[in-house]
Amino acid sequence: MTSPVNSTRSSDEDFIAGQIARMDSGAWTATDEATLQTWLDEVPARRGLLLRMEAEWVALDPASAATDSKNEEPSAPLAISSAGRWTRRGLMGAAAASVVGGYLAFWLGDGATDFETRVGEIRRLPLADGSVMTMNSASQIKVNLAQDVRQIALLQGEAWFEVAKDAKRPFIVQVGDVQVRAVGTAFSVRTRGTAVEVLVTEGVVETSARHDSNLKLTLKGGDRAIVGASALVDFETGQSTNVDRALAWRSGMIDLNGTPLSSAAEEFNRYNRRQIVIADPAIAAEQFDGLFRVNDPDGFAEAVKASLGVRINTAEPGIIRIE
């Protein structure tokens, strides 16, 4: 005989699985969100169960991701995480089948939830409010979806956000002393030392600095800005093509277009433990074009060799020297 506790747990898992499937279908509404919150509040243990299911999804094995690298010392494999690779560990088969082929919608409780990606890992996370967060390699983020505001803290790295429209709940990304505010739009935020790079693919966002109320900047689709805590460092407007190239990482690619080799090497080094080193300033200043997988620094180095006639030195473990 099944105990009442087990019956309740099975029923709760069924309910959660159904809600996840609905979120994943794109049909999730504010009414659905309110209903789920009410259901969670009825039995405190339900929230713990939900968090456990979320934790199981986070326990991904990036080593299982395919890689095209054939090097003797391969770089860290690219892992673009999705619901299809969620480790269920005890969820019923019906729940597993309900989300196959799509991304799992992540339900974040009242408190902040931590997310992190490893070097070479790219993770797409649909949020319960209908927004989607795509995290780049080696990134750390805290998320808190409250009833009156949606707060994101980017501690390290880069993320792209497709923000679900909700005028009553502004979507705010905090990066150090710089804040990026949106309602319904799509944009990326990247830490660059003490500054913050913002790329807007759609809609409008506003950046501001915590210690300077006069340092406000409105960005629209195609705009790019690098903002410091006390000054605007760089600004480019209406360049949608450049923005798209800069965001090619969402598909696991690096798109170079007249890019100095020093900058290209910096990009590859974000995704790989094998680091590209260019000591010669003249070579580092050379511009290069091409589309490469983020986890293929050797392919990039060979392309540079073929194009510019440079030498490639891999004698030192973990280092690719372009000389």
C-alpha atoms as a PDB file:
ATOM      1  CA  MET A   1       0.000   0.000   0.000  1.00  0.00           C
ATOM      2  CA  THR A   2       1.281   3.448  -0.866  1.00  0.00           C
ATOM      3  CA  SER A   3       1.605   5.725   2.132  1.00  0.00           C
ATOM      4  CA  PRO A   4      -0.258   9.068   2.216  1.00  0.00           C
ATOM      5  CA  VAL A   5       3.060  10.890   2.191  1.00  0.00           C
ATOM      6  CA  ASN A   6       4.202   9.148  -0.990  1.00  0.00           C
ATOM      7  CA  SER A   7       0.827   9.730  -2.615  1.00  0.00           C
ATOM      8  CA  THR A   8       1.025  13.429  -1.850  1.00  0.00           C
ATOM      9  CA  ARG A   9       4.561  13.652  -3.167  1.00  0.00           C
ATOM     10  CA  SER A  10       3.593  11.882  -6.395  1.00  0.00           C
ATOM     11  CA  SER A  11       0.622  14.212  -6.844  1.00  0.00           C
ATOM     12  CA  ASP A  12       2.807  17.248  -6.240  1.00  0.00           C
ATOM     13  CA  GLU A  13       5.365  16.041  -8.770  1.00  0.00           C
ATOM     14  CA  ASP A  14       2.595  15.532 -11.313  1.00  0.00           C
ATOM     15  CA  PHE A  15       1.357  19.063 -10.734  1.00  0.00           C
ATOM     16  CA  ILE A  16       4.833  20.605 -10.981  1.00  0.00           C
ATOM     17  CA  ALA A  17       5.593  18.634 -14.144  1.00  0.00           C
ATOM     18  CA  GLY A  18       2.374  19.914 -15.696  1.00  0.00           C
ATOM     19  CA  GLN A  19       3.239  23.494 -14.820  1.00  0.00           C
ATOM     20  CA  ILE A  20       6.726  23.089 -16.262  1.00  0.00           C
ATOM     21  CA  ALA A  21       5.294  21.723 -19.496  1.00  0.00           C
ATOM     22  CA  ARG A  22       2.924  24.684 -19.741  1.00  0.00           C
ATOM     23  CA  MET A  23       5.744  27.180 -19.166  1.00  0.00           C
ATOM     24  CA  ASP A  24       7.818  25.401 -21.790  1.00  0.00           C
ATOM     25  CA  SER A  25       5.002  25.622 -24.337  1.00  0.00           C
ATOM     26  CA  GLY A  26       5.043  29.413 -24.190  1.00  0.00           C
ATOM     27  CA  ALA A  27       1.447  29.575 -22.943  1.00  0.00           C
ATOM     28  CA  TRP A  28       2.383  30.696 -19.409  1.00  0.00           C
ATOM     29  CA  THR A  29       0.348  33.678 -18.150  1.00  0.00           C
ATOM     30  CA  ALA A  30       0.249  35.939 -15.106  1.00  0.00           C
ATOM     31  CA  THR A  31      -2.790  33.959 -13.906  1.00  0.00           C
ATOM     32  CA  ASP A  32      -0.798  30.723 -14.139  1.00  0.00           C
ATOM     33  CA  GLU A  33       2.003  32.327 -12.154  1.00  0.00           C
ATOM     34  CA  ALA A  34      -0.385  33.480  -9.414  1.00  0.00           C
ATOM     35  CA  THR A  35      -1.986  30.027  -9.257  1.00  0.00           C
ATOM     36  CA  LEU A  36       1.376  28.322  -8.854  1.00  0.00           C
ATOM     37  CA  GLN A  37       2.451  30.745  -6.129  1.00  0.00           C
ATOM     38  CA  THR A  38      -0.778  30.104  -4.212  1.00  0.00           C
ATOM     39  CA  TRP A  39      -0.298  26.350  -4.538  1.00  0.00           C
ATOM     40  CA  LEU A  40       3.282  26.597  -3.263  1.00  0.00           C
ATOM     41  CA  ASP A  41       2.204  28.688  -0.281  1.00  0.00           C
ATOM     42  CA  GLU A  42      -0.395  26.110   0.793  1.00  0.00           C
ATOM     43  CA  VAL A  43       2.226  23.502   1.776  1.00  0.00           C
ATOM     44  CA  PRO A  44       5.749  24.749   2.642  1.00  0.00           C
ATOM     45  CA  ALA A  45       7.280  21.394   1.651  1.00  0.00           C
ATOM     46  CA  ARG A  46       6.166  21.939  -1.935  1.00  0.00           C
ATOM     47  CA  ARG A  47       8.640  24.756  -2.417  1.00  0.00           C
ATOM     48  CA  GLY A  48      11.433  22.492  -1.220  1.00  0.00           C
ATOM     49  CA  LEU A  49      10.324  19.816  -3.685  1.00  0.00           C
ATOM     50  CA  LEU A  50      10.346  22.357  -6.484  1.00  0.00           C
ATOM     51  CA  LEU A  51      13.823  23.531  -5.528  1.00  0.00           C
ATOM     52  CA  ARG A  52      15.036  19.911  -5.504  1.00  0.00           C
ATOM     53  CA  MET A  53      13.692  19.367  -9.013  1.00  0.00           C
ATOM     54  CA  GLU A  54      15.399  22.569 -10.143  1.00  0.00           C
ATOM     55  CA  ALA A  55      18.669  21.479  -8.533  1.00  0.00           C
ATOM     56  CA  GLU A  56      18.513  18.188 -10.413  1.00  0.00           C
ATOM     57  CA  TRP A  57      18.174  20.093 -13.664  1.00  0.00           C
ATOM     58  CA  VAL A  58      21.180  22.262 -12.812  1.00  0.00           C
ATOM     59  CA  ALA A  59      23.293  19.149 -12.194  1.00  0.00           C
ATOM     60  CA  LEU A  60      24.324  18.972 -15.845  1.00  0.00           C
ATOM     61  CA  ASP A  61      27.319  17.055 -17.107  1.00  0.00           C
ATOM     62  CA  PRO A  62      29.048  19.318 -19.626  1.00  0.00           C
ATOM     63  CA  ALA A  63      31.510  16.549 -20.384  1.00  0.00           C
ATOM     64  CA  SER A  64      28.749  14.740 -22.261  1.00  0.00           C
ATOM     65  CA  ALA A  65      28.393  17.555 -24.782  1.00  0.00           C
ATOM     66  CA  ALA A  66      29.733  16.843 -28.240  1.00  0.00           C
ATOM     67  CA  THR A  67      32.873  18.578 -29.389  1.00  0.00           C
ATOM     68  CA  ASP A  68      34.444  18.824 -32.800  1.00  0.00           C
ATOM     69  CA  SER A  69      37.938  19.180 -31.401  1.00  0.00           C
ATOM     70  CA  LYS A  70      40.364  16.426 -32.384  1.00  0.00           C
ATOM     71  CA  ASN A  71      43.363  17.796 -30.515  1.00  0.00           C
ATOM     72  CA  GLU A  72      45.544  15.573 -28.373  1.00  0.00           C
ATOM     73  CA  GLU A  73      44.901  18.043 -25.541  1.00  0.00           C
ATOM     74  CA  PRO A  74      41.313  19.122 -26.234  1.00  0.00           C
ATOM     75  CA  SER A  75      39.910  22.364 -24.916  1.00  0.00           C
ATOM     76  CA  ALA A  76      37.016  22.361 -22.504  1.00  0.00           C
ATOM     77  CA  PRO A  77      34.001  21.032 -24.440  1.00  0.00           C
ATOM     78  CA  LEU A  78      31.264  23.449 -25.372  1.00  0.00           C
ATOM     79  CA  ALA A  79      28.118  22.700 -23.409  1.00  0.00           C
ATOM     80  CA  ILE A  80      24.970  24.513 -24.491  1.00  0.00           C
ATOM     81  CA  SER A  81      22.534  23.374 -21.853  1.00  0.00           C
ATOM     82  CA  SER A  82      18.866  22.719 -22.460  1.00  0.00           C
ATOM     83  CA  ALA A  83      15.992  20.822 -20.907  1.00  0.00           C
ATOM     84  CA  GLY A  84      16.728  17.830 -23.110  1.00  0.00           C
ATOM     85  CA  ARG A  85      19.790  17.153 -20.926  1.00  0.00           C
ATOM     86  CA  TRP A  86      18.080  17.596 -17.548  1.00  0.00           C
ATOM     87  CA  THR A  87      18.946  14.829 -15.050  1.00  0.00           C
ATOM     88  CA  ARG A  88      15.579  13.747 -13.645  1.00  0.00           C
ATOM     89  CA  ARG A  89      16.652  11.195 -10.957  1.00  0.00           C
ATOM     90  CA  GLY A  90      13.289  10.098  -9.679  1.00  0.00           C
ATOM     91  CA  LEU A  91      10.797  12.132 -11.667  1.00  0.00           C
ATOM     92  CA  MET A  92       8.219   9.924 -13.327  1.00  0.00           C
ATOM     93  CA  GLY A  93       8.567   9.091 -17.026  1.00  0.00           C
ATOM     94  CA  ALA A  94       5.530  11.187 -17.887  1.00  0.00           C
ATOM     95  CA  ALA A  95       7.169  14.266 -16.430  1.00  0.00           C
ATOM     96  CA  ALA A  96      10.321  13.607 -18.419  1.00  0.00           C
ATOM     97  CA  ALA A  97       8.386  13.182 -21.649  1.00  0.00           C
ATOM     98  CA  SER A  98       6.489  16.411 -21.055  1.00  0.00           C
ATOM     99  CA  VAL A  99       9.545  18.585 -21.597  1.00  0.00           C
ATOM    100  CA  VAL A 100      11.589  16.650 -24.152  1.00  0.00           C
ATOM    101  CA  GLY A 101      12.451  18.785 -27.166  1.00  0.00           C
ATOM    102  CA  GLY A 102      12.250  22.136 -25.416  1.00  0.00           C
ATOM    103  CA  TYR A 103      13.894  24.180 -22.741  1.00  0.00           C
ATOM    104  CA  LEU A 104      12.781  23.701 -19.135  1.00  0.00           C
ATOM    105  CA  ALA A 105      11.151  26.791 -17.655  1.00  0.00           C
ATOM    106  CA  PHE A 106      12.871  27.587 -14.417  1.00  0.00           C
ATOM    107  CA  TRP A 107      10.660  28.638 -11.520  1.00  0.00           C
ATOM    108  CA  LEU A 108      12.467  30.966  -9.136  1.00  0.00           C
ATOM    109  CA  GLY A 109      11.010  31.365  -5.644  1.00  0.00           C
ATOM    110  CA  ASP A 110      10.735  34.540  -3.595  1.00  0.00           C
ATOM    111  CA  GLY A 111      14.442  34.611  -2.674  1.00  0.00           C
ATOM    112  CA  ALA A 112      17.451  35.108  -4.897  1.00  0.00           C
ATOM    113  CA  THR A 113      18.654  32.055  -6.807  1.00  0.00           C
ATOM    114  CA  ASP A 114      22.263  31.581  -7.905  1.00  0.00           C
ATOM    115  CA  PHE A 115      23.286  30.459 -11.392  1.00  0.00           C
ATOM    116  CA  GLU A 116      26.771  29.730 -12.685  1.00  0.00           C
ATOM    117  CA  THR A 117      28.350  28.474 -15.895  1.00  0.00           C
ATOM    118  CA  ARG A 118      31.743  26.824 -16.232  1.00  0.00           C
ATOM    119  CA  VAL A 119      34.435  27.751 -18.731  1.00  0.00           C
ATOM    120  CA  GLY A 120      33.133  26.741 -22.157  1.00  0.00           C
ATOM    121  CA  GLU A 121      29.529  26.317 -21.010  1.00  0.00           C
ATOM    122  CA  ILE A 122      26.618  28.296 -22.456  1.00  0.00           C
ATOM    123  CA  ARG A 123      23.278  27.896 -20.717  1.00  0.00           C
ATOM    124  CA  ARG A 124      19.791  29.011 -21.745  1.00  0.00           C
ATOM    125  CA  LEU A 125      17.316  29.433 -18.870  1.00  0.00           C
ATOM    126  CA  PRO A 126      13.663  30.334 -19.481  1.00  0.00           C
ATOM    127  CA  LEU A 127      12.388  32.127 -16.364  1.00  0.00           C
ATOM    128  CA  ALA A 128       8.957  31.805 -14.806  1.00  0.00           C
ATOM    129  CA  ASP A 129       7.906  35.345 -15.764  1.00  0.00           C
ATOM    130  CA  GLY A 130       8.269  34.413 -19.437  1.00  0.00           C
ATOM    131  CA  SER A 131      11.711  35.962 -19.868  1.00  0.00           C
ATOM    132  CA  VAL A 132      14.704  34.000 -21.146  1.00  0.00           C
ATOM    133  CA  MET A 133      18.240  34.316 -19.776  1.00  0.00           C
ATOM    134  CA  THR A 134      21.174  32.961 -21.796  1.00  0.00           C
ATOM    135  CA  MET A 135      24.420  32.805 -19.828  1.00  0.00           C
ATOM    136  CA  ASN A 136      27.812  32.912 -21.500  1.00  0.00           C
ATOM    137  CA  SER A 137      30.956  31.068 -20.426  1.00  0.00           C
ATOM    138  CA  ALA A 138      32.232  31.457 -16.838  1.00  0.00           C
ATOM    139  CA  SER A 139      29.359  33.651 -15.674  1.00  0.00           C
ATOM    140  CA  GLN A 140      27.746  34.106 -12.255  1.00  0.00           C
ATOM    141  CA  ILE A 141      24.254  35.530 -11.769  1.00  0.00           C
ATOM    142  CA  LYS A 142      21.738  35.993  -8.962  1.00  0.00           C
ATOM    143  CA  VAL A 143      18.028  36.182  -9.874  1.00  0.00           C
ATOM    144  CA  ASN A 144      15.113  37.380  -7.768  1.00  0.00           C
ATOM    145  CA  LEU A 145      11.683  37.624  -9.407  1.00  0.00           C
ATOM    146  CA  ALA A 146       9.606  39.563  -6.888  1.00  0.00           C
ATOM    147  CA  GLN A 147       6.009  40.688  -7.380  1.00  0.00           C
ATOM    148  CA  ASP A 148       6.929  44.332  -7.994  1.00  0.00           C
ATOM    149  CA  VAL A 149      10.355  44.049  -9.623  1.00  0.00           C
ATOM    150  CA  ARG A 150      12.562  41.530 -11.412  1.00  0.00           C
ATOM    151  CA  GLN A 151      16.121  41.831 -10.133  1.00  0.00           C
ATOM    152  CA  ILE A 152      19.207  40.340 -11.747  1.00  0.00           C
ATOM    153  CA  ALA A 153      22.732  40.711 -10.362  1.00  0.00           C
ATOM    154  CA  LEU A 154      25.491  39.906 -12.867  1.00  0.00           C
ATOM    155  CA  LEU A 155      28.512  39.117 -10.725  1.00  0.00           C
ATOM    156  CA  GLN A 156      30.780  37.886 -13.509  1.00  0.00           C
ATOM    157  CA  GLY A 157      30.731  37.192 -17.230  1.00  0.00           C
ATOM    158  CA  GLU A 158      27.939  37.901 -19.679  1.00  0.00           C
ATOM    159  CA  ALA A 159      24.272  37.155 -20.255  1.00  0.00           C
ATOM    160  CA  TRP A 160      21.630  37.933 -22.851  1.00  0.00           C
ATOM    161  CA  PHE A 161      18.067  38.599 -21.730  1.00  0.00           C
ATOM    162  CA  GLU A 162      14.813  38.354 -23.669  1.00  0.00           C
ATOM    163  CA  VAL A 163      12.532  40.237 -21.289  1.00  0.00           C
ATOM    164  CA  ALA A 164       8.825  39.422 -21.075  1.00  0.00           C
ATOM    165  CA  LYS A 165       6.727  42.590 -21.076  1.00  0.00           C
ATOM    166  CA  ASP A 166       5.329  43.522 -17.675  1.00  0.00           C
ATOM    167  CA  ALA A 167       5.060  47.267 -17.059  1.00  0.00           C
ATOM    168  CA  LYS A 168       4.324  46.694 -13.375  1.00  0.00           C
ATOM    169  CA  ARG A 169       7.508  44.671 -12.846  1.00  0.00           C
ATOM    170  CA  PRO A 170      10.580  46.407 -14.299  1.00  0.00           C
ATOM    171  CA  PHE A 171      13.475  44.139 -15.227  1.00  0.00           C
ATOM    172  CA  ILE A 172      16.686  45.457 -13.650  1.00  0.00           C
ATOM    173  CA  VAL A 173      20.208  44.121 -14.134  1.00  0.00           C
ATOM    174  CA  GLN A 174      22.763  45.366 -11.618  1.00  0.00           C
ATOM    175  CA  VAL A 175      26.474  45.106 -12.434  1.00  0.00           C
ATOM    176  CA  GLY A 176      28.592  46.718  -9.764  1.00  0.00           C
ATOM    177  CA  ASP A 177      27.638  50.395  -9.727  1.00  0.00           C
ATOM    178  CA  VAL A 178      25.901  50.287 -13.113  1.00  0.00           C
ATOM    179  CA  GLN A 179      22.215  49.471 -13.535  1.00  0.00           C
ATOM    180  CA  VAL A 180      20.386  48.465 -16.717  1.00  0.00           C
ATOM    181  CA  ARG A 181      16.602  48.801 -16.666  1.00  0.00           C
ATOM    182  CA  ALA A 182      14.049  47.397 -19.132  1.00  0.00           C
ATOM    183  CA  VAL A 183      10.384  46.404 -19.361  1.00  0.00           C
ATOM    184  CA  GLY A 184      10.057  44.343 -22.540  1.00  0.00           C
ATOM    185  CA  THR A 185      13.136  44.095 -24.709  1.00  0.00           C
ATOM    186  CA  ALA A 186      16.190  41.980 -25.569  1.00  0.00           C
ATOM    187  CA  PHE A 187      19.703  42.961 -24.561  1.00  0.00           C
ATOM    188  CA  SER A 188      23.010  41.618 -23.275  1.00  0.00           C
ATOM    189  CA  VAL A 189      25.180  42.743 -20.386  1.00  0.00           C
ATOM    190  CA  ARG A 190      28.876  41.918 -20.019  1.00  0.00           C
ATOM    191  CA  THR A 191      31.387  42.758 -17.320  1.00  0.00           C
ATOM    192  CA  ARG A 192      34.524  44.442 -18.668  1.00  0.00           C
ATOM    193  CA  GLY A 193      36.795  45.131 -15.723  1.00  0.00           C
ATOM    194  CA  THR A 194      35.191  48.001 -13.804  1.00  0.00           C
ATOM    195  CA  ALA A 195      32.965  48.877 -16.783  1.00  0.00           C
ATOM    196  CA  VAL A 196      29.850  47.254 -18.252  1.00  0.00           C
ATOM    197  CA  GLU A 197      29.098  46.574 -21.925  1.00  0.00           C
ATOM    198  CA  VAL A 198      25.442  46.707 -22.982  1.00  0.00           C
ATOM    199  CA  LEU A 199      24.189  45.517 -26.392  1.00  0.00           C
ATOM    200  CA  VAL A 200      20.537  46.010 -27.349  1.00  0.00           C
ATOM    201  CA  THR A 201      18.978  43.717 -29.949  1.00  0.00           C
ATOM    202  CA  GLU A 202      15.378  44.867 -29.549  1.00  0.00           C
ATOM    203  CA  GLY A 203      13.399  47.514 -27.676  1.00  0.00           C
ATOM    204  CA  VAL A 204      14.794  50.158 -25.335  1.00  0.00           C
ATOM    205  CA  VAL A 205      16.859  49.992 -22.139  1.00  0.00           C
ATOM    206  CA  GLU A 206      18.147  52.666 -19.790  1.00  0.00           C
ATOM    207  CA  THR A 207      21.514  52.548 -18.073  1.00  0.00           C
ATOM    208  CA  SER A 208      22.370  54.522 -14.947  1.00  0.00           C
ATOM    209  CA  ALA A 209      25.162  54.753 -12.381  1.00  0.00           C
ATOM    210  CA  ARG A 210      24.568  54.345  -8.671  1.00  0.00           C
ATOM    211  CA  HIS A 211      26.810  57.256  -7.655  1.00  0.00           C
ATOM    212  CA  ASP A 212      25.897  59.681 -10.450  1.00  0.00           C
ATOM    213  CA  SER A 213      22.210  60.315 -11.164  1.00  0.00           C
ATOM    214  CA  ASN A 214      23.170  62.419 -14.196  1.00  0.00           C
ATOM    215  CA  LEU A 215      24.892  59.511 -15.918  1.00  0.00           C
ATOM    216  CA  LYS A 216      21.857  58.060 -17.687  1.00  0.00           C
ATOM    217  CA  LEU A 217      21.801  56.690 -21.199  1.00  0.00           C
ATOM    218  CA  THR A 218      18.904  55.383 -23.279  1.00  0.00           C
ATOM    219  CA  LEU A 219      19.774  52.630 -25.743  1.00  0.00           C
ATOM    220  CA  LYS A 220      17.621  51.174 -28.514  1.00  0.00           C
ATOM    221  CA  GLY A 221      17.921  48.182 -30.844  1.00  0.00           C
ATOM    222  CA  GLY A 222      21.328  48.103 -32.555  1.00  0.00           C
ATOM    223  CA  ASP A 223      23.009  50.272 -29.917  1.00  0.00           C
ATOM    224  CA  ARG A 224      26.122  49.335 -27.982  1.00  0.00           C
ATOM    225  CA  ALA A 225      27.606  51.126 -25.004  1.00  0.00           C
ATOM    226  CA  ILE A 226      30.377  50.577 -22.491  1.00  0.00           C
ATOM    227  CA  VAL A 227      29.505  52.347 -19.261  1.00  0.00           C
ATOM    228  CA  GLY A 228      31.719  52.905 -16.234  1.00  0.00           C
ATOM    229  CA  ALA A 229      30.669  53.850 -12.722  1.00  0.00           C
ATOM    230  CA  SER A 230      31.330  57.515 -13.451  1.00  0.00           C
ATOM    231  CA  ALA A 231      31.568  57.924 -17.230  1.00  0.00           C
ATOM    232  CA  LEU A 232      30.443  56.707 -20.647  1.00  0.00           C
ATOM    233  CA  VAL A 233      33.470  54.885 -22.047  1.00  0.00           C
ATOM    234  CA  ASP A 234      32.277  54.052 -25.570  1.00  0.00           C
ATOM    235  CA  PHE A 235      29.076  54.313 -27.593  1.00  0.00           C
ATOM    236  CA  GLU A 236      27.931  53.005 -30.984  1.00  0.00           C
ATOM    237  CA  THR A 237      24.412  53.477 -32.332  1.00  0.00           C
ATOM    238  CA  GLY A 238      22.273  51.764 -34.951  1.00  0.00           C
ATOM    239  CA  GLN A 239      24.746  48.979 -35.754  1.00  0.00           C
ATOM    240  CA  SER A 240      22.505  45.899 -35.584  1.00  0.00           C
ATOM    241  CA  THR A 241      24.931  43.812 -37.648  1.00  0.00           C
ATOM    242  CA  ASN A 242      27.757  44.489 -35.207  1.00  0.00           C
ATOM    243  CA  VAL A 243      25.498  43.636 -32.271  1.00  0.00           C
ATOM    244  CA  ASP A 244      24.511  40.340 -33.895  1.00  0.00           C
ATOM    245  CA  ARG A 245      28.167  39.473 -34.491  1.00  0.00           C
ATOM    246  CA  ALA A 246      29.031  40.215 -30.881  1.00  0.00           C
ATOM    247  CA  LEU A 247      26.220  37.911 -29.754  1.00  0.00           C
ATOM    248  CA  ALA A 248      27.164  34.973 -32.008  1.00  0.00           C
ATOM    249  CA  TRP A 249      28.248  33.175 -28.814  1.00  0.00           C
ATOM    250  CA  ARG A 250      24.581  32.353 -28.173  1.00  0.00           C
ATOM    251  CA  SER A 251      24.952  29.774 -30.959  1.00  0.00           C
ATOM    252  CA  GLY A 252      28.398  28.706 -29.809  1.00  0.00           C
ATOM    253  CA  MET A 253      30.239  30.791 -32.412  1.00  0.00           C
ATOM    254  CA  ILE A 254      32.733  33.655 -32.603  1.00  0.00           C
ATOM    255  CA  ASP A 255      32.135  35.993 -35.561  1.00  0.00           C
ATOM    256  CA  LEU A 256      35.199  38.034 -36.522  1.00  0.00           C
ATOM    257  CA  ASN A 257      34.947  40.967 -38.916  1.00  0.00           C
ATOM    258  CA  GLY A 258      38.094  43.046 -39.173  1.00  0.00           C
ATOM    259  CA  THR A 259      38.825  42.097 -35.569  1.00  0.00           C
ATOM    260  CA  PRO A 260      42.373  42.638 -34.239  1.00  0.00           C
ATOM    261  CA  LEU A 261      43.995  39.296 -33.441  1.00  0.00           C
ATOM    262  CA  SER A 262      44.553  40.450 -29.861  1.00  0.00           C
ATOM    263  CA  SER A 263      40.785  40.876 -29.401  1.00  0.00           C
ATOM    264  CA  ALA A 264      40.056  37.605 -31.191  1.00  0.00           C
ATOM    265  CA  ALA A 265      42.468  35.746 -28.908  1.00  0.00           C
ATOM    266  CA  GLU A 266      40.799  37.320 -25.891  1.00  0.00           C
ATOM    267  CA  GLU A 267      37.435  35.996 -27.076  1.00  0.00           C
ATOM    268  CA  PHE A 268      38.695  32.439 -27.586  1.00  0.00           C
ATOM    269  CA  ASN A 269      40.387  32.527 -24.186  1.00  0.00           C
ATOM    270  CA  ARG A 270      37.011  33.145 -22.529  1.00  0.00           C
ATOM    271  CA  TYR A 271      35.804  29.695 -23.587  1.00  0.00           C
ATOM    272  CA  ASN A 272      38.899  27.521 -23.359  1.00  0.00           C
ATOM    273  CA  ARG A 273      41.468  26.481 -20.802  1.00  0.00           C
ATOM    274  CA  ARG A 274      44.046  26.291 -23.599  1.00  0.00           C
ATOM    275  CA  GLN A 275      44.992  29.945 -23.973  1.00  0.00           C
ATOM    276  CA  ILE A 276      46.088  31.776 -27.107  1.00  0.00           C
ATOM    277  CA  VAL A 277      49.143  34.004 -26.596  1.00  0.00           C
ATOM    278  CA  ILE A 278      50.330  36.615 -29.113  1.00  0.00           C
ATOM    279  CA  ALA A 279      53.482  38.344 -27.872  1.00  0.00           C
ATOM    280  CA  ASP A 280      54.348  40.293 -31.039  1.00  0.00           C
ATOM    281  CA  PRO A 281      52.405  43.613 -31.083  1.00  0.00           C
ATOM    282  CA  ALA A 282      52.546  43.738 -34.883  1.00  0.00           C
ATOM    283  CA  ILE A 283      50.852  40.340 -35.189  1.00  0.00           C
ATOM    284  CA  ALA A 284      48.375  41.198 -32.426  1.00  0.00           C
ATOM    285  CA  ALA A 285      47.282  44.286 -34.368  1.00  0.00           C
ATOM    286  CA  GLU A 286      46.542  42.343 -37.568  1.00  0.00           C
ATOM    287  CA  GLN A 287      42.830  42.252 -38.424  1.00  0.00           C
ATOM    288  CA  PHE A 288      41.054  39.017 -39.195  1.00  0.00           C
ATOM    289  CA  ASP A 289      37.704  37.765 -40.521  1.00  0.00           C
ATOM    290  CA  GLY A 290      36.000  34.426 -40.009  1.00  0.00           C
ATOM    291  CA  LEU A 291      33.357  32.399 -38.206  1.00  0.00           C
ATOM    292  CA  PHE A 292      34.623  29.843 -35.680  1.00  0.00           C
ATOM    293  CA  ARG A 293      33.292  27.585 -32.962  1.00  0.00           C
ATOM    294  CA  VAL A 294      34.068  29.018 -29.541  1.00  0.00           C
ATOM    295  CA  ASN A 295      35.766  25.768 -28.483  1.00  0.00           C
ATOM    296  CA  ASP A 296      38.102  25.543 -31.495  1.00  0.00           C
ATOM    297  CA  PRO A 297      41.119  27.764 -30.748  1.00  0.00           C
ATOM    298  CA  ASP A 298      43.349  25.418 -32.753  1.00  0.00           C
ATOM    299  CA  GLY A 299      41.187  25.847 -35.839  1.00  0.00           C
ATOM    300  CA  PHE A 300      41.415  29.603 -35.422  1.00  0.00           C
ATOM    301  CA  ALA A 301      45.195  29.472 -35.000  1.00  0.00           C
ATOM    302  CA  GLU A 302      45.588  27.334 -38.124  1.00  0.00           C
ATOM    303  CA  ALA A 303      43.417  29.755 -40.111  1.00  0.00           C
ATOM    304  CA  VAL A 304      45.598  32.656 -38.975  1.00  0.00           C
ATOM    305  CA  LYS A 305      48.699  30.685 -39.950  1.00  0.00           C
ATOM    306  CA  ALA A 306      47.339  29.980 -43.435  1.00  0.00           C
ATOM    307  CA  SER A 307      46.285  33.589 -43.959  1.00  0.00           C
ATOM    308  CA  LEU A 308      49.175  35.531 -42.435  1.00  0.00           C
ATOM    309  CA  GLY A 309      52.056  33.073 -42.635  1.00  0.00           C
ATOM    310  CA  VAL A 310      52.721  33.124 -38.888  1.00  0.00           C
ATOM    311  CA  ARG A 311      54.074  30.185 -36.869  1.00  0.00           C
ATOM    312  CA  ILE A 312      52.042  28.202 -34.339  1.00  0.00           C
ATOM    313  CA  ASN A 313      53.866  26.895 -31.271  1.00  0.00           C
ATOM    314  CA  THR A 314      52.056  24.385 -29.040  1.00  0.00           C
ATOM    315  CA  ALA A 315      55.111  22.999 -27.224  1.00  0.00           C
ATOM    316  CA  GLU A 316      53.987  24.470 -23.910  1.00  0.00           C
ATOM    317  CA  PRO A 317      51.028  22.600 -22.351  1.00  0.00           C
ATOM    318  CA  GLY A 318      47.834  24.623 -22.327  1.00  0.00           C
ATOM    319  CA  ILE A 319      49.274  27.383 -24.531  1.00  0.00           C
ATOM    320  CA  ILE A 320      48.855  28.136 -28.248  1.00  0.00           C
ATOM    321  CA  ARG A 321      51.458  30.697 -29.273  1.00  0.00           C
ATOM    322  CA  ILE A 322      50.971  32.629 -32.499  1.00  0.00           C
ATOM    323  CA  GLU A 323      54.411  33.919 -33.523  1.00  0.00           C
END
